[in-house]
C-alpha atoms as a PDB file:
ATOM      1  CA  UNK A   1      -9.394  10.875 -12.115  1.00  0.00           C
ATOM      2  CA  UNK A   2     -10.755  14.323 -12.662  1.00  0.00           C
ATOM      3  CA  UNK A   3     -12.009  16.416 -15.610  1.00  0.00           C
ATOM      4  CA  UNK A   4     -12.569  20.177 -16.079  1.00  0.00           C
ATOM      5  CA  UNK A   5     -16.239  21.252 -15.852  1.00  0.00           C
ATOM      6  CA  UNK A   6     -18.188  24.428 -15.250  1.00  0.00           C
ATOM      7  CA  UNK A   7     -19.131  23.455 -11.700  1.00  0.00           C
ATOM      8  CA  UNK A   8     -16.715  22.405  -8.993  1.00  0.00           C
ATOM      9  CA  UNK A   9     -19.443  20.799  -6.941  1.00  0.00           C
ATOM     10  CA  UNK A  10     -20.661  18.703  -9.878  1.00  0.00           C
ATOM     11  CA  UNK A  11     -17.332  18.304 -11.647  1.00  0.00           C
ATOM     12  CA  UNK A  12     -16.663  14.643 -11.082  1.00  0.00           C
ATOM     13  CA  UNK A  13     -20.297  13.656 -11.077  1.00  0.00           C
ATOM     14  CA  UNK A  14     -20.834  15.124 -14.532  1.00  0.00           C
ATOM     15  CA  UNK A  15     -17.534  14.769 -16.327  1.00  0.00           C
ATOM     16  CA  UNK A  16     -16.247  11.534 -14.928  1.00  0.00           C
ATOM     17  CA  UNK A  17     -19.497   9.743 -15.594  1.00  0.00           C
ATOM     18  CA  UNK A  18     -18.662  10.175 -19.256  1.00  0.00           C
ATOM     19  CA  UNK A  19     -14.912   9.744 -18.908  1.00  0.00           C
ATOM     20  CA  UNK A  20     -14.764   7.090 -16.171  1.00  0.00           C
ATOM     21  CA  UNK A  21     -12.328   8.767 -13.779  1.00  0.00           C
ATOM     22  CA  UNK A  22     -10.553  10.692 -16.503  1.00  0.00           C
ATOM     23  CA  UNK A  23      -9.608  14.304 -16.984  1.00  0.00           C
ATOM     24  CA  UNK A  24      -7.768  17.180 -15.356  1.00  0.00           C
ATOM     25  CA  UNK A  25      -6.066  20.435 -16.064  1.00  0.00           C
ATOM     26  CA  UNK A  26      -4.378  21.080 -19.371  1.00  0.00           C
ATOM     27  CA  UNK A  27      -1.107  19.356 -18.680  1.00  0.00           C
ATOM     28  CA  UNK A  28       2.165  21.098 -19.329  1.00  0.00           C
ATOM     29  CA  UNK A  29       4.892  19.052 -20.918  1.00  0.00           C
ATOM     30  CA  UNK A  30       8.251  20.602 -19.987  1.00  0.00           C
ATOM     31  CA  UNK A  31       9.674  20.118 -23.476  1.00  0.00           C
ATOM     32  CA  UNK A  32       6.681  21.822 -25.089  1.00  0.00           C
ATOM     33  CA  UNK A  33       5.964  24.621 -22.645  1.00  0.00           C
ATOM     34  CA  UNK A  34       6.382  28.247 -23.732  1.00  0.00           C
ATOM     35  CA  UNK A  35       9.657  29.959 -22.988  1.00  0.00           C
ATOM     36  CA  UNK A  36       9.676  32.746 -20.397  1.00  0.00           C
ATOM     37  CA  UNK A  37       9.770  36.380 -21.424  1.00  0.00           C
ATOM     38  CA  UNK A  38      13.169  37.895 -22.047  1.00  0.00           C
ATOM     39  CA  UNK A  39      12.704  40.206 -19.059  1.00  0.00           C
ATOM     40  CA  UNK A  40      12.782  37.319 -16.597  1.00  0.00           C
ATOM     41  CA  UNK A  41      16.316  36.844 -15.270  1.00  0.00           C
ATOM     42  CA  UNK A  42      17.865  33.415 -15.378  1.00  0.00           C
ATOM     43  CA  UNK A  43      18.967  31.935 -12.038  1.00  0.00           C
ATOM     44  CA  UNK A  44      22.605  31.814 -11.081  1.00  0.00           C
ATOM     45  CA  UNK A  45      24.494  28.960 -12.688  1.00  0.00           C
ATOM     46  CA  UNK A  46      26.869  26.682 -10.856  1.00  0.00           C
ATOM     47  CA  UNK A  47      26.649  23.621  -8.644  1.00  0.00           C
ATOM     48  CA  UNK A  48      24.169  23.542  -5.774  1.00  0.00           C
ATOM     49  CA  UNK A  49      25.525  24.133  -2.305  1.00  0.00           C
ATOM     50  CA  UNK A  50      24.855  21.378   0.212  1.00  0.00           C
ATOM     51  CA  UNK A  51      23.442  23.731   2.827  1.00  0.00           C
ATOM     52  CA  UNK A  52      20.217  23.388   4.807  1.00  0.00           C
ATOM     53  CA  UNK A  53      17.227  25.151   3.298  1.00  0.00           C
ATOM     54  CA  UNK A  54      14.326  23.473   5.082  1.00  0.00           C
ATOM     55  CA  UNK A  55      13.977  21.758   8.415  1.00  0.00           C
ATOM     56  CA  UNK A  56      12.832  18.190   8.833  1.00  0.00           C
ATOM     57  CA  UNK A  57       9.405  17.062   7.711  1.00  0.00           C
ATOM     58  CA  UNK A  58       7.299  17.230   4.556  1.00  0.00           C
ATOM     59  CA  UNK A  59       6.561  20.564   2.880  1.00  0.00           C
ATOM     60  CA  UNK A  60       4.241  21.908   0.198  1.00  0.00           C
ATOM     61  CA  UNK A  61       4.712  25.056  -1.861  1.00  0.00           C
ATOM     62  CA  UNK A  62       1.998  27.476  -3.004  1.00  0.00           C
ATOM     63  CA  UNK A  63       2.743  30.027  -5.702  1.00  0.00           C
ATOM     64  CA  UNK A  64       2.562  33.706  -4.830  1.00  0.00           C
ATOM     65  CA  UNK A  65       1.519  34.532  -8.398  1.00  0.00           C
ATOM     66  CA  UNK A  66      -0.901  33.129 -10.983  1.00  0.00           C
ATOM     67  CA  UNK A  67       1.873  31.230 -12.741  1.00  0.00           C
ATOM     68  CA  UNK A  68       5.211  29.871 -11.665  1.00  0.00           C
ATOM     69  CA  UNK A  69       8.374  30.267 -13.708  1.00  0.00           C
ATOM     70  CA  UNK A  70      10.049  26.943 -13.061  1.00  0.00           C
ATOM     71  CA  UNK A  71      13.379  25.480 -14.140  1.00  0.00           C
ATOM     72  CA  UNK A  72      14.460  21.992 -15.059  1.00  0.00           C
ATOM     73  CA  UNK A  73      18.055  22.492 -13.934  1.00  0.00           C
ATOM     74  CA  UNK A  74      18.554  25.796 -12.094  1.00  0.00           C
ATOM     75  CA  UNK A  75      22.116  24.953 -11.093  1.00  0.00           C
ATOM     76  CA  UNK A  76      23.377  24.467 -14.641  1.00  0.00           C
ATOM     77  CA  UNK A  77      24.183  27.060 -17.271  1.00  0.00           C
ATOM     78  CA  UNK A  78      21.312  27.793 -19.643  1.00  0.00           C
ATOM     79  CA  UNK A  79      18.452  26.251 -17.626  1.00  0.00           C
ATOM     80  CA  UNK A  80      15.280  25.175 -19.371  1.00  0.00           C
ATOM     81  CA  UNK A  81      12.446  27.373 -18.088  1.00  0.00           C
ATOM     82  CA  UNK A  82       8.716  27.287 -18.600  1.00  0.00           C
ATOM     83  CA  UNK A  83       5.538  28.697 -17.062  1.00  0.00           C
ATOM     84  CA  UNK A  84       3.268  26.494 -14.993  1.00  0.00           C
ATOM     85  CA  UNK A  85      -0.237  27.367 -13.712  1.00  0.00           C
ATOM     86  CA  UNK A  86      -0.648  27.836  -9.973  1.00  0.00           C
ATOM     87  CA  UNK A  87      -4.289  26.687 -10.002  1.00  0.00           C
ATOM     88  CA  UNK A  88      -5.859  23.409 -11.049  1.00  0.00           C
ATOM     89  CA  UNK A  89      -8.765  22.913 -13.468  1.00  0.00           C
ATOM     90  CA  UNK A  90     -11.246  23.685 -10.686  1.00  0.00           C
ATOM     91  CA  UNK A  91      -9.722  27.060  -9.875  1.00  0.00           C
ATOM     92  CA  UNK A  92      -8.159  25.745  -6.670  1.00  0.00           C
ATOM     93  CA  UNK A  93      -4.711  26.848  -5.567  1.00  0.00           C
ATOM     94  CA  UNK A  94      -2.372  23.881  -5.968  1.00  0.00           C
ATOM     95  CA  UNK A  95      -0.122  22.946  -3.068  1.00  0.00           C
ATOM     96  CA  UNK A  96       2.865  21.436  -4.861  1.00  0.00           C
ATOM     97  CA  UNK A  97       4.716  18.710  -2.990  1.00  0.00           C
ATOM     98  CA  UNK A  98       8.299  19.743  -2.206  1.00  0.00           C
ATOM     99  CA  UNK A  99      10.736  16.953  -3.073  1.00  0.00           C
ATOM    100  CA  UNK A 100      14.126  18.636  -2.546  1.00  0.00           C
ATOM    101  CA  UNK A 101      15.777  21.921  -1.574  1.00  0.00           C
ATOM    102  CA  UNK A 102      19.209  23.447  -2.167  1.00  0.00           C
ATOM    103  CA  UNK A 103      21.016  26.742  -2.291  1.00  0.00           C
ATOM    104  CA  UNK A 104      22.576  27.935  -5.532  1.00  0.00           C
ATOM    105  CA  UNK A 105      26.253  28.775  -5.751  1.00  0.00           C
ATOM    106  CA  UNK A 106      25.306  32.375  -4.942  1.00  0.00           C
ATOM    107  CA  UNK A 107      23.480  31.233  -1.802  1.00  0.00           C
ATOM    108  CA  UNK A 108      19.905  31.673  -3.050  1.00  0.00           C
ATOM    109  CA  UNK A 109      17.489  29.005  -1.759  1.00  0.00           C
ATOM    110  CA  UNK A 110      15.602  26.911  -4.337  1.00  0.00           C
ATOM    111  CA  UNK A 111      12.992  24.199  -3.840  1.00  0.00           C
ATOM    112  CA  UNK A 112      12.137  21.307  -6.115  1.00  0.00           C
ATOM    113  CA  UNK A 113       8.414  20.653  -6.537  1.00  0.00           C
ATOM    114  CA  UNK A 114       6.381  17.857  -8.045  1.00  0.00           C
ATOM    115  CA  UNK A 115       4.218  19.436 -10.735  1.00  0.00           C
ATOM    116  CA  UNK A 116       1.198  17.203 -11.106  1.00  0.00           C
ATOM    117  CA  UNK A 117       1.746  17.015 -14.870  1.00  0.00           C
ATOM    118  CA  UNK A 118       2.942  14.254 -17.169  1.00  0.00           C
ATOM    119  CA  UNK A 119       5.138  12.319 -16.920  1.00  0.00           C
ATOM    120  CA  UNK A 120       4.169  11.035 -13.491  1.00  0.00           C
ATOM    121  CA  UNK A 121       6.318  12.448 -10.691  1.00  0.00           C
ATOM    122  CA  UNK A 122       7.707  15.176 -12.986  1.00  0.00           C
ATOM    123  CA  UNK A 123       9.542  17.848 -10.989  1.00  0.00           C
ATOM    124  CA  UNK A 124      11.008  21.291 -11.483  1.00  0.00           C
ATOM    125  CA  UNK A 125      12.791  23.942  -9.422  1.00  0.00           C
ATOM    126  CA  UNK A 126      11.565  27.326  -8.282  1.00  0.00           C
ATOM    127  CA  UNK A 127      13.190  30.089  -6.188  1.00  0.00           C
ATOM    128  CA  UNK A 128      11.995  29.762  -2.623  1.00  0.00           C
ATOM    129  CA  UNK A 129      10.996  33.424  -2.434  1.00  0.00           C
ATOM    130  CA  UNK A 130       8.411  32.870  -5.196  1.00  0.00           C
ATOM    131  CA  UNK A 131       6.396  30.390  -3.133  1.00  0.00           C
ATOM    132  CA  UNK A 132       4.916  30.095   0.319  1.00  0.00           C
ATOM    133  CA  UNK A 133       6.036  26.967   2.139  1.00  0.00           C
ATOM    134  CA  UNK A 134       4.029  25.044   4.711  1.00  0.00           C
ATOM    135  CA  UNK A 135       4.731  21.865   6.617  1.00  0.00           C
ATOM    136  CA  UNK A 136       2.235  19.065   6.080  1.00  0.00           C
ATOM    137  CA  UNK A 137       1.475  16.405   8.662  1.00  0.00           C
ATOM    138  CA  UNK A 138      -0.623  13.841   6.790  1.00  0.00           C
ATOM    139  CA  UNK A 139       0.298  11.040   4.431  1.00  0.00           C
ATOM    140  CA  UNK A 140      -1.732   8.424   2.568  1.00  0.00           C
ATOM    141  CA  UNK A 141      -0.428   5.014   1.503  1.00  0.00           C
ATOM    142  CA  UNK A 142      -2.439   2.742  -0.787  1.00  0.00           C
ATOM    143  CA  UNK A 143      -1.312  -0.880  -0.835  1.00  0.00           C
ATOM    144  CA  UNK A 144      -2.529  -2.435  -4.091  1.00  0.00           C
ATOM    145  CA  UNK A 145      -1.720  -6.021  -3.159  1.00  0.00           C
ATOM    146  CA  UNK A 146      -3.671  -5.799   0.113  1.00  0.00           C
ATOM    147  CA  UNK A 147      -6.177  -3.275  -1.310  1.00  0.00           C
ATOM    148  CA  UNK A 148      -5.803  -1.235   1.841  1.00  0.00           C
ATOM    149  CA  UNK A 149      -5.600   2.550   2.258  1.00  0.00           C
ATOM    150  CA  UNK A 150      -3.757   3.835   5.317  1.00  0.00           C
ATOM    151  CA  UNK A 151      -3.750   7.401   6.572  1.00  0.00           C
ATOM    152  CA  UNK A 152      -0.956   8.657   8.803  1.00  0.00           C
ATOM    153  CA  UNK A 153      -0.725  11.862  10.836  1.00  0.00           C
ATOM    154  CA  UNK A 154       2.673  12.852  12.151  1.00  0.00           C
ATOM    155  CA  UNK A 155       3.837   9.330  11.388  1.00  0.00           C
ATOM    156  CA  UNK A 156       1.066   7.630  13.356  1.00  0.00           C
ATOM    157  CA  UNK A 157      -1.559   5.426  11.735  1.00  0.00           C
ATOM    158  CA  UNK A 158      -4.973   7.062  12.261  1.00  0.00           C
ATOM    159  CA  UNK A 159      -7.183   5.304   9.686  1.00  0.00           C
ATOM    160  CA  UNK A 160      -7.127   2.046   7.740  1.00  0.00           C
ATOM    161  CA  UNK A 161      -9.702   1.205   5.062  1.00  0.00           C
ATOM    162  CA  UNK A 162     -10.342  -1.646   2.649  1.00  0.00           C
ATOM    163  CA  UNK A 163     -10.645  -0.075  -0.830  1.00  0.00           C
ATOM    164  CA  UNK A 164     -11.379  -0.934  -4.429  1.00  0.00           C
ATOM    165  CA  UNK A 165      -8.583  -0.594  -6.983  1.00  0.00           C
ATOM    166  CA  UNK A 166      -8.133  -0.813 -10.743  1.00  0.00           C
ATOM    167  CA  UNK A 167      -9.143  -3.828 -12.774  1.00  0.00           C
ATOM    168  CA  UNK A 168      -6.322  -5.837 -14.399  1.00  0.00           C
ATOM    169  CA  UNK A 169      -6.871  -4.143 -17.769  1.00  0.00           C
ATOM    170  CA  UNK A 170      -7.026  -0.686 -16.081  1.00  0.00           C
ATOM    171  CA  UNK A 171      -4.593  -0.996 -13.184  1.00  0.00           C
ATOM    172  CA  UNK A 172      -4.043   1.694 -10.595  1.00  0.00           C
ATOM    173  CA  UNK A 173      -0.625   3.191 -11.360  1.00  0.00           C
ATOM    174  CA  UNK A 174       1.922   2.936  -8.523  1.00  0.00           C
ATOM    175  CA  UNK A 175       3.957   6.014  -7.685  1.00  0.00           C
ATOM    176  CA  UNK A 176       4.471   8.963  -5.378  1.00  0.00           C
ATOM    177  CA  UNK A 177       1.799  11.626  -5.839  1.00  0.00           C
ATOM    178  CA  UNK A 178      -0.036  14.370  -3.952  1.00  0.00           C
ATOM    179  CA  UNK A 179      -3.599  15.643  -3.524  1.00  0.00           C
ATOM    180  CA  UNK A 180      -4.045  17.949  -6.529  1.00  0.00           C
ATOM    181  CA  UNK A 181      -7.781  18.734  -6.176  1.00  0.00           C
ATOM    182  CA  UNK A 182     -10.622  18.354  -3.669  1.00  0.00           C
ATOM    183  CA  UNK A 183     -14.031  17.942  -5.318  1.00  0.00           C
ATOM    184  CA  UNK A 184     -17.310  17.533  -3.418  1.00  0.00           C
ATOM    185  CA  UNK A 185     -20.087  15.535  -5.074  1.00  0.00           C
ATOM    186  CA  UNK A 186     -23.753  16.397  -5.611  1.00  0.00           C
ATOM    187  CA  UNK A 187     -25.014  12.952  -4.569  1.00  0.00           C
ATOM    188  CA  UNK A 188     -23.416  10.277  -2.390  1.00  0.00           C
ATOM    189  CA  UNK A 189     -24.997   7.695  -4.696  1.00  0.00           C
ATOM    190  CA  UNK A 190     -23.256   8.990  -7.818  1.00  0.00           C
ATOM    191  CA  UNK A 191     -20.307   7.191  -9.420  1.00  0.00           C
ATOM    192  CA  UNK A 192     -17.823   9.102  -7.238  1.00  0.00           C
ATOM    193  CA  UNK A 193     -19.615   8.891  -3.919  1.00  0.00           C
ATOM    194  CA  UNK A 194     -19.541  11.685  -1.382  1.00  0.00           C
ATOM    195  CA  UNK A 195     -16.185  13.205  -2.307  1.00  0.00           C
ATOM    196  CA  UNK A 196     -13.185  12.934  -4.605  1.00  0.00           C
ATOM    197  CA  UNK A 197      -9.514  13.729  -4.146  1.00  0.00           C
ATOM    198  CA  UNK A 198      -7.873  14.286  -7.522  1.00  0.00           C
ATOM    199  CA  UNK A 199      -4.265  13.119  -7.573  1.00  0.00           C
ATOM    200  CA  UNK A 200      -1.183  14.462  -9.306  1.00  0.00           C
ATOM    201  CA  UNK A 201      -0.657  11.141 -11.109  1.00  0.00           C
ATOM    202  CA  UNK A 202      -2.085   9.652 -14.283  1.00  0.00           C
ATOM    203  CA  UNK A 203      -3.050   6.204 -15.500  1.00  0.00           C
ATOM    204  CA  UNK A 204      -0.440   4.700 -17.792  1.00  0.00           C
ATOM    205  CA  UNK A 205      -3.174   2.804 -19.658  1.00  0.00           C
ATOM    206  CA  UNK A 206      -5.882   5.415 -20.297  1.00  0.00           C
ATOM    207  CA  UNK A 207      -3.528   7.831 -22.004  1.00  0.00           C
ATOM    208  CA  UNK A 208      -5.950   8.697 -24.827  1.00  0.00           C
ATOM    209  CA  UNK A 209      -8.772   9.748 -22.499  1.00  0.00           C
ATOM    210  CA  UNK A 210      -9.656  13.418 -21.860  1.00  0.00           C
ATOM    211  CA  UNK A 211      -7.061  15.024 -19.619  1.00  0.00           C
ATOM    212  CA  UNK A 212      -4.771  12.037 -19.955  1.00  0.00           C
ATOM    213  CA  UNK A 213      -6.524   9.895 -17.341  1.00  0.00           C
ATOM    214  CA  UNK A 214      -5.804  11.634 -14.046  1.00  0.00           C
ATOM    215  CA  UNK A 215      -6.288   9.314 -11.071  1.00  0.00           C
ATOM    216  CA  UNK A 216      -8.355  10.004  -7.961  1.00  0.00           C
ATOM    217  CA  UNK A 217      -9.316   8.646  -4.588  1.00  0.00           C
ATOM    218  CA  UNK A 218     -13.094   8.882  -4.475  1.00  0.00           C
ATOM    219  CA  UNK A 219     -16.108   7.589  -2.663  1.00  0.00           C
ATOM    220  CA  UNK A 220     -18.519   4.795  -3.527  1.00  0.00           C
ATOM    221  CA  UNK A 221     -21.921   3.909  -2.138  1.00  0.00           C
ATOM    222  CA  UNK A 222     -21.342   0.229  -2.868  1.00  0.00           C
ATOM    223  CA  UNK A 223     -19.783  -1.590   0.104  1.00  0.00           C
ATOM    224  CA  UNK A 224     -18.991  -4.573  -2.126  1.00  0.00           C
ATOM    225  CA  UNK A 225     -16.341  -2.491  -3.943  1.00  0.00           C
ATOM    226  CA  UNK A 226     -14.075  -2.830  -0.922  1.00  0.00           C
ATOM    227  CA  UNK A 227     -11.146  -5.148  -1.459  1.00  0.00           C
ATOM    228  CA  UNK A 228     -11.966  -5.695  -5.129  1.00  0.00           C
ATOM    229  CA  UNK A 229     -10.444  -4.846  -8.512  1.00  0.00           C
ATOM    230  CA  UNK A 230     -13.379  -2.806  -9.781  1.00  0.00           C
ATOM    231  CA  UNK A 231     -12.275   0.600 -11.103  1.00  0.00           C
ATOM    232  CA  UNK A 232     -10.648   2.120 -14.194  1.00  0.00           C
ATOM    233  CA  UNK A 233      -7.590   3.017 -12.093  1.00  0.00           C
ATOM    234  CA  UNK A 234      -9.063   5.129  -9.321  1.00  0.00           C
ATOM    235  CA  UNK A 235      -9.077   4.123  -5.662  1.00  0.00           C
ATOM    236  CA  UNK A 236     -12.654   3.588  -4.461  1.00  0.00           C
ATOM    237  CA  UNK A 237     -13.357   4.267  -0.792  1.00  0.00           C
ATOM    238  CA  UNK A 238     -16.663   3.346   0.829  1.00  0.00           C
ATOM    239  CA  UNK A 239     -18.554   6.565   1.570  1.00  0.00           C
ATOM    240  CA  UNK A 240     -18.454   6.397   5.392  1.00  0.00           C
ATOM    241  CA  UNK A 241     -14.679   5.955   5.160  1.00  0.00           C
ATOM    242  CA  UNK A 242     -14.278   8.630   2.481  1.00  0.00           C
ATOM    243  CA  UNK A 243     -15.855  11.183   4.804  1.00  0.00           C
ATOM    244  CA  UNK A 244     -12.870  10.680   7.094  1.00  0.00           C
ATOM    245  CA  UNK A 245     -10.529  11.727   4.267  1.00  0.00           C
ATOM    246  CA  UNK A 246     -12.299  14.974   3.311  1.00  0.00           C
ATOM    247  CA  UNK A 247     -10.098  17.035   5.630  1.00  0.00           C
ATOM    248  CA  UNK A 248      -6.844  15.940   3.995  1.00  0.00           C
ATOM    249  CA  UNK A 249      -5.022  19.140   2.988  1.00  0.00           C
ATOM    250  CA  UNK A 250      -4.169  19.975  -0.595  1.00  0.00           C
ATOM    251  CA  UNK A 251      -0.685  18.685  -1.308  1.00  0.00           C
ATOM    252  CA  UNK A 252      -0.948  15.679   1.009  1.00  0.00           C
ATOM    253  CA  UNK A 253       1.534  13.067  -0.237  1.00  0.00           C
ATOM    254  CA  UNK A 254      -0.069   9.871  -1.557  1.00  0.00           C
ATOM    255  CA  UNK A 255       2.041   6.776  -2.156  1.00  0.00           C
ATOM    256  CA  UNK A 256       0.495   3.990  -4.237  1.00  0.00           C
ATOM    257  CA  UNK A 257       2.501   0.781  -3.939  1.00  0.00           C
ATOM    258  CA  UNK A 258       2.175  -2.764  -5.145  1.00  0.00           C
END
């Protein structure tokens, strides 16, 4: 889990040492977010049209502006709208995972994105012309019962690692997430190893910690962490294995399953 700091390179090494895998961007609760300005037009109401918007595969969306004006229900009258930041706490452009796509009754294409804010797996809709879409070819699956991390590329298994997971009192939270931040570390022997991938999901136990307890996949210099319940909810990957995950693109889907 990841916390805001003044240095991207030292972010996890400094902040997470105090917060034990906690932190992240200031989360935006849909019900509490500020309303859009009156000059922003509301999307067309009406039922979505079951027409193809995207081809097959997994997509991510990157905002064309500093903030996204997103909607809870763009196909209903009087949609709930709020502004959402396009960058994470480290100043990195977020690649939001696309979870659905439809055309409005007027034919305008919309995409549904996972936000990386509480509650876990929270989604919203945005007009397709306000984002840049890209197909993504990687996927990570963490099996908590086997304590195994698997990486797939174009559906093929390319890496398989034994990993450490959350202790019983601080379990790793299952769910469908994405890579929300990529944070290099100052020392491979620090608490977060050579590298950390901040995730879009949060611990359901460490809710009172700074940033709400954002989870991460991060390195460890201790080979004995592999296959053990040792963390506060993060997934610990032995440093030599973690180096093989550094090239995962922002937005890569990460499934954590029991």
